[in-house]
Amino acid sequence: MDDRMFWLADAPLDLAPLRRRLEDDRAGAFASFEGWVRDHNDGRPVRGLRYESYVALAEREGEQVLAEARARFDLCGAVCVHRIGDLAIGDMAVWVGVSAAHRGAAFDACRYIIDSIKDRVPIWKHERYADGEAGWLHPERAPDGGAA
């Protein structure tokens, strides 16, 4: 079995094998996060998007984020997969799953992983809007410089 904790995928995600990778007799908790393509951004209707990435760098940095999370939160396991390519409204764009002895660590680690992936991993989003325009978004920053 592949021992990577983070990778990019160009096809829809099959969640059952991802979740099975986190099963561990030491675990008393499992938490996950799913990020989906929504139909709007900043008040503009969105019709779809494309994710692009520098794959080697993204996968290396993603592995680092998950290694940090495993150490910081004393996890039994952690996995994150981010889609690249063209996605439609409602498609799953990213999945994070963690297992830990206790629920607090699982919840905290899940948030840490998705926030760090969005902040640090070179994945760019190209949104297509209903009015025919398109635009690149990354990093995901709010107007005040914080994460969106």
C-alpha atoms as a PDB file:
ATOM      1  CA  MET A   1       0.000   0.000   0.000  1.00  0.00           C
ATOM      2  CA  ASP A   2       1.132   3.521  -0.766  1.00  0.00           C
ATOM      3  CA  ASP A   3       2.456   5.181   2.394  1.00  0.00           C
ATOM      4  CA  ARG A   4       1.991   8.804   1.308  1.00  0.00           C
ATOM      5  CA  MET A   5      -0.107  10.994   3.585  1.00  0.00           C
ATOM      6  CA  PHE A   6      -0.756  13.757   1.010  1.00  0.00           C
ATOM      7  CA  TRP A   7      -1.221  13.627  -2.729  1.00  0.00           C
ATOM      8  CA  LEU A   8      -2.966  15.297  -5.640  1.00  0.00           C
ATOM      9  CA  ALA A   9      -5.608  13.449  -7.655  1.00  0.00           C
ATOM     10  CA  ASP A  10      -7.009  14.153 -11.103  1.00  0.00           C
ATOM     11  CA  ALA A  11     -10.085  11.917 -10.657  1.00  0.00           C
ATOM     12  CA  PRO A  12     -12.982  11.869  -8.174  1.00  0.00           C
ATOM     13  CA  LEU A  13     -12.087  10.573  -4.719  1.00  0.00           C
ATOM     14  CA  ASP A  14     -13.126   7.173  -3.373  1.00  0.00           C
ATOM     15  CA  LEU A  15     -13.539   7.817   0.350  1.00  0.00           C
ATOM     16  CA  ALA A  16     -13.823   4.252   1.696  1.00  0.00           C
ATOM     17  CA  PRO A  17     -10.166   3.305   1.101  1.00  0.00           C
ATOM     18  CA  LEU A  18      -9.014   6.690   2.416  1.00  0.00           C
ATOM     19  CA  ARG A  19     -10.907   6.179   5.653  1.00  0.00           C
ATOM     20  CA  ARG A  20      -9.653   2.585   5.986  1.00  0.00           C
ATOM     21  CA  ARG A  21      -6.066   3.896   5.946  1.00  0.00           C
ATOM     22  CA  LEU A  22      -6.827   5.623   9.259  1.00  0.00           C
ATOM     23  CA  GLU A  23      -8.177   2.625  11.160  1.00  0.00           C
ATOM     24  CA  ASP A  24      -5.992   1.883  14.167  1.00  0.00           C
ATOM     25  CA  ASP A  25      -6.656   0.022  17.403  1.00  0.00           C
ATOM     26  CA  ARG A  26      -5.170   2.976  19.336  1.00  0.00           C
ATOM     27  CA  ALA A  27      -7.737   5.383  17.842  1.00  0.00           C
ATOM     28  CA  GLY A  28     -10.860   6.384  19.699  1.00  0.00           C
ATOM     29  CA  ALA A  29     -11.738   9.187  17.302  1.00  0.00           C
ATOM     30  CA  PHE A  30     -11.927   9.951  13.604  1.00  0.00           C
ATOM     31  CA  ALA A  31     -12.575  13.386  12.091  1.00  0.00           C
ATOM     32  CA  SER A  32     -12.753  14.428   8.460  1.00  0.00           C
ATOM     33  CA  PHE A  33     -13.250  17.503   6.345  1.00  0.00           C
ATOM     34  CA  GLU A  34     -14.614  17.679   2.803  1.00  0.00           C
ATOM     35  CA  GLY A  35     -14.201  20.804   0.696  1.00  0.00           C
ATOM     36  CA  TRP A  36     -16.690  21.114  -2.162  1.00  0.00           C
ATOM     37  CA  VAL A  37     -16.865  23.424  -5.177  1.00  0.00           C
ATOM     38  CA  ARG A  38     -19.513  26.042  -4.398  1.00  0.00           C
ATOM     39  CA  ASP A  39     -21.600  28.061  -6.840  1.00  0.00           C
ATOM     40  CA  HIS A  40     -20.385  31.502  -5.689  1.00  0.00           C
ATOM     41  CA  ASN A  41     -17.365  33.451  -4.493  1.00  0.00           C
ATOM     42  CA  ASP A  42     -17.210  37.070  -3.334  1.00  0.00           C
ATOM     43  CA  GLY A  43     -20.794  37.623  -4.453  1.00  0.00           C
ATOM     44  CA  ARG A  44     -20.177  36.310  -7.986  1.00  0.00           C
ATOM     45  CA  PRO A  45     -21.915  33.224  -9.407  1.00  0.00           C
ATOM     46  CA  VAL A  46     -19.351  30.504 -10.193  1.00  0.00           C
ATOM     47  CA  ARG A  47     -19.925  27.904 -12.928  1.00  0.00           C
ATOM     48  CA  GLY A  48     -16.889  25.715 -12.264  1.00  0.00           C
ATOM     49  CA  LEU A  49     -13.172  25.838 -11.649  1.00  0.00           C
ATOM     50  CA  ARG A  50      -9.828  24.318 -12.410  1.00  0.00           C
ATOM     51  CA  TYR A  51      -7.079  23.536  -9.906  1.00  0.00           C
ATOM     52  CA  GLU A  52      -3.483  23.574 -11.085  1.00  0.00           C
ATOM     53  CA  SER A  53      -0.338  22.858  -9.120  1.00  0.00           C
ATOM     54  CA  TYR A  54       3.388  22.374  -9.194  1.00  0.00           C
ATOM     55  CA  VAL A  55       2.853  18.708  -8.287  1.00  0.00           C
ATOM     56  CA  ALA A  56       6.282  17.738  -6.910  1.00  0.00           C
ATOM     57  CA  LEU A  57       6.504  20.821  -4.685  1.00  0.00           C
ATOM     58  CA  ALA A  58       2.846  20.580  -3.613  1.00  0.00           C
ATOM     59  CA  GLU A  59       3.151  16.934  -2.621  1.00  0.00           C
ATOM     60  CA  ARG A  60       6.393  17.558  -0.738  1.00  0.00           C
ATOM     61  CA  GLU A  61       4.909  20.511   1.199  1.00  0.00           C
ATOM     62  CA  GLY A  62       1.661  18.629   1.822  1.00  0.00           C
ATOM     63  CA  GLU A  63       3.598  15.705   3.294  1.00  0.00           C
ATOM     64  CA  GLN A  64       5.398  18.176   5.568  1.00  0.00           C
ATOM     65  CA  VAL A  65       2.087  19.639   6.785  1.00  0.00           C
ATOM     66  CA  LEU A  66       0.743  16.185   7.631  1.00  0.00           C
ATOM     67  CA  ALA A  67       3.969  15.139   9.368  1.00  0.00           C
ATOM     68  CA  GLU A  68       3.751  18.302  11.494  1.00  0.00           C
ATOM     69  CA  ALA A  69       0.114  17.558  12.345  1.00  0.00           C
ATOM     70  CA  ARG A  70       0.909  13.968  13.346  1.00  0.00           C
ATOM     71  CA  ALA A  71       3.612  15.165  15.731  1.00  0.00           C
ATOM     72  CA  ARG A  72       1.774  18.203  17.088  1.00  0.00           C
ATOM     73  CA  PHE A  73      -1.545  16.442  17.792  1.00  0.00           C
ATOM     74  CA  ASP A  74      -0.264  12.918  18.593  1.00  0.00           C
ATOM     75  CA  LEU A  75      -2.318  11.354  15.798  1.00  0.00           C
ATOM     76  CA  CYS A  76      -2.647   7.701  14.917  1.00  0.00           C
ATOM     77  CA  GLY A  77      -2.994   8.624  11.249  1.00  0.00           C
ATOM     78  CA  ALA A  78      -3.600  11.477   8.821  1.00  0.00           C
ATOM     79  CA  VAL A  79      -4.425  11.631   5.113  1.00  0.00           C
ATOM     80  CA  CYS A  80      -5.210  14.514   2.758  1.00  0.00           C
ATOM     81  CA  VAL A  81      -6.015  14.389  -0.951  1.00  0.00           C
ATOM     82  CA  HIS A  82      -6.556  17.498  -3.087  1.00  0.00           C
ATOM     83  CA  ARG A  83      -8.042  17.407  -6.572  1.00  0.00           C
ATOM     84  CA  ILE A  84      -6.443  19.033  -9.607  1.00  0.00           C
ATOM     85  CA  GLY A  85      -8.010  19.580 -13.004  1.00  0.00           C
ATOM     86  CA  ASP A  86     -11.509  20.722 -13.961  1.00  0.00           C
ATOM     87  CA  LEU A  87     -14.211  20.447 -11.287  1.00  0.00           C
ATOM     88  CA  ALA A  88     -17.935  21.156 -11.418  1.00  0.00           C
ATOM     89  CA  ILE A  89     -20.184  22.702  -8.796  1.00  0.00           C
ATOM     90  CA  GLY A  90     -20.663  20.184  -5.985  1.00  0.00           C
ATOM     91  CA  ASP A  91     -17.512  18.170  -6.737  1.00  0.00           C
ATOM     92  CA  MET A  92     -15.281  17.330  -3.798  1.00  0.00           C
ATOM     93  CA  ALA A  93     -12.079  19.357  -4.114  1.00  0.00           C
ATOM     94  CA  VAL A  94     -10.245  18.223  -0.979  1.00  0.00           C
ATOM     95  CA  TRP A  95     -10.567  15.546   1.709  1.00  0.00           C
ATOM     96  CA  VAL A  96      -8.797  15.459   5.074  1.00  0.00           C
ATOM     97  CA  GLY A  97      -9.084  12.580   7.504  1.00  0.00           C
ATOM     98  CA  VAL A  98      -7.386  11.972  10.850  1.00  0.00           C
ATOM     99  CA  SER A  99      -7.539   9.382  13.595  1.00  0.00           C
ATOM    100  CA  ALA A 100      -6.439   9.965  17.173  1.00  0.00           C
ATOM    101  CA  ALA A 101      -6.888   8.564  20.643  1.00  0.00           C
ATOM    102  CA  HIS A 102      -9.253  11.437  21.537  1.00  0.00           C
ATOM    103  CA  ARG A 103     -11.772  13.608  19.664  1.00  0.00           C
ATOM    104  CA  GLY A 104     -10.190  16.956  20.599  1.00  0.00           C
ATOM    105  CA  ALA A 105      -6.935  16.074  18.878  1.00  0.00           C
ATOM    106  CA  ALA A 106      -8.805  14.729  15.842  1.00  0.00           C
ATOM    107  CA  PHE A 107     -10.902  17.885  15.408  1.00  0.00           C
ATOM    108  CA  ASP A 108      -7.972  20.233  16.026  1.00  0.00           C
ATOM    109  CA  ALA A 109      -5.678  18.358  13.649  1.00  0.00           C
ATOM    110  CA  CYS A 110      -8.267  18.314  10.888  1.00  0.00           C
ATOM    111  CA  ARG A 111      -8.594  22.116  11.026  1.00  0.00           C
ATOM    112  CA  TYR A 112      -4.833  22.583  11.251  1.00  0.00           C
ATOM    113  CA  ILE A 113      -4.287  20.418   8.169  1.00  0.00           C
ATOM    114  CA  ILE A 114      -6.853  22.086   5.904  1.00  0.00           C
ATOM    115  CA  ASP A 115      -5.827  25.587   6.984  1.00  0.00           C
ATOM    116  CA  SER A 116      -2.121  24.796   6.446  1.00  0.00           C
ATOM    117  CA  ILE A 117      -2.733  23.126   3.075  1.00  0.00           C
ATOM    118  CA  LYS A 118      -4.679  26.170   1.854  1.00  0.00           C
ATOM    119  CA  ASP A 119      -2.004  28.527   3.151  1.00  0.00           C
ATOM    120  CA  ARG A 120       1.222  26.716   2.195  1.00  0.00           C
ATOM    121  CA  VAL A 121       0.713  24.257  -0.652  1.00  0.00           C
ATOM    122  CA  PRO A 122       1.104  25.623  -4.215  1.00  0.00           C
ATOM    123  CA  ILE A 123      -2.338  24.869  -5.632  1.00  0.00           C
ATOM    124  CA  TRP A 124      -3.990  27.548  -7.746  1.00  0.00           C
ATOM    125  CA  LYS A 125      -7.706  27.925  -8.395  1.00  0.00           C
ATOM    126  CA  HIS A 126      -9.017  29.267 -11.707  1.00  0.00           C
ATOM    127  CA  GLU A 127     -12.710  30.102 -11.314  1.00  0.00           C
ATOM    128  CA  ARG A 128     -15.140  30.412 -14.239  1.00  0.00           C
ATOM    129  CA  TYR A 129     -17.932  32.897 -13.547  1.00  0.00           C
ATOM    130  CA  ALA A 130     -21.499  33.020 -14.847  1.00  0.00           C
ATOM    131  CA  ASP A 131     -20.821  36.292 -16.715  1.00  0.00           C
ATOM    132  CA  GLY A 132     -18.164  34.567 -18.864  1.00  0.00           C
ATOM    133  CA  GLU A 133     -15.165  36.004 -17.026  1.00  0.00           C
ATOM    134  CA  ALA A 134     -12.588  33.877 -15.232  1.00  0.00           C
ATOM    135  CA  GLY A 135      -9.909  34.548 -12.654  1.00  0.00           C
ATOM    136  CA  TRP A 136      -7.076  32.972 -10.674  1.00  0.00           C
ATOM    137  CA  LEU A 137      -7.343  32.781  -6.879  1.00  0.00           C
ATOM    138  CA  HIS A 138      -4.436  31.915  -4.544  1.00  0.00           C
ATOM    139  CA  PRO A 139      -3.407  32.155  -1.926  1.00  0.00           C
ATOM    140  CA  GLU A 140      -6.834  32.249  -0.351  1.00  0.00           C
ATOM    141  CA  ARG A 141      -6.570  35.515   1.542  1.00  0.00           C
ATOM    142  CA  ALA A 142      -9.181  37.768   3.022  1.00  0.00           C
ATOM    143  CA  PRO A 143      -8.868  41.522   2.373  1.00  0.00           C
ATOM    144  CA  ASP A 144      -7.166  41.915   5.782  1.00  0.00           C
ATOM    145  CA  GLY A 145      -4.435  39.427   4.808  1.00  0.00           C
ATOM    146  CA  GLY A 146      -5.813  36.522   6.849  1.00  0.00           C
ATOM    147  CA  ALA A 147      -7.051  33.237   5.463  1.00  0.00           C
ATOM    148  CA  ALA A 148     -10.402  33.412   3.722  1.00  0.00           C
END
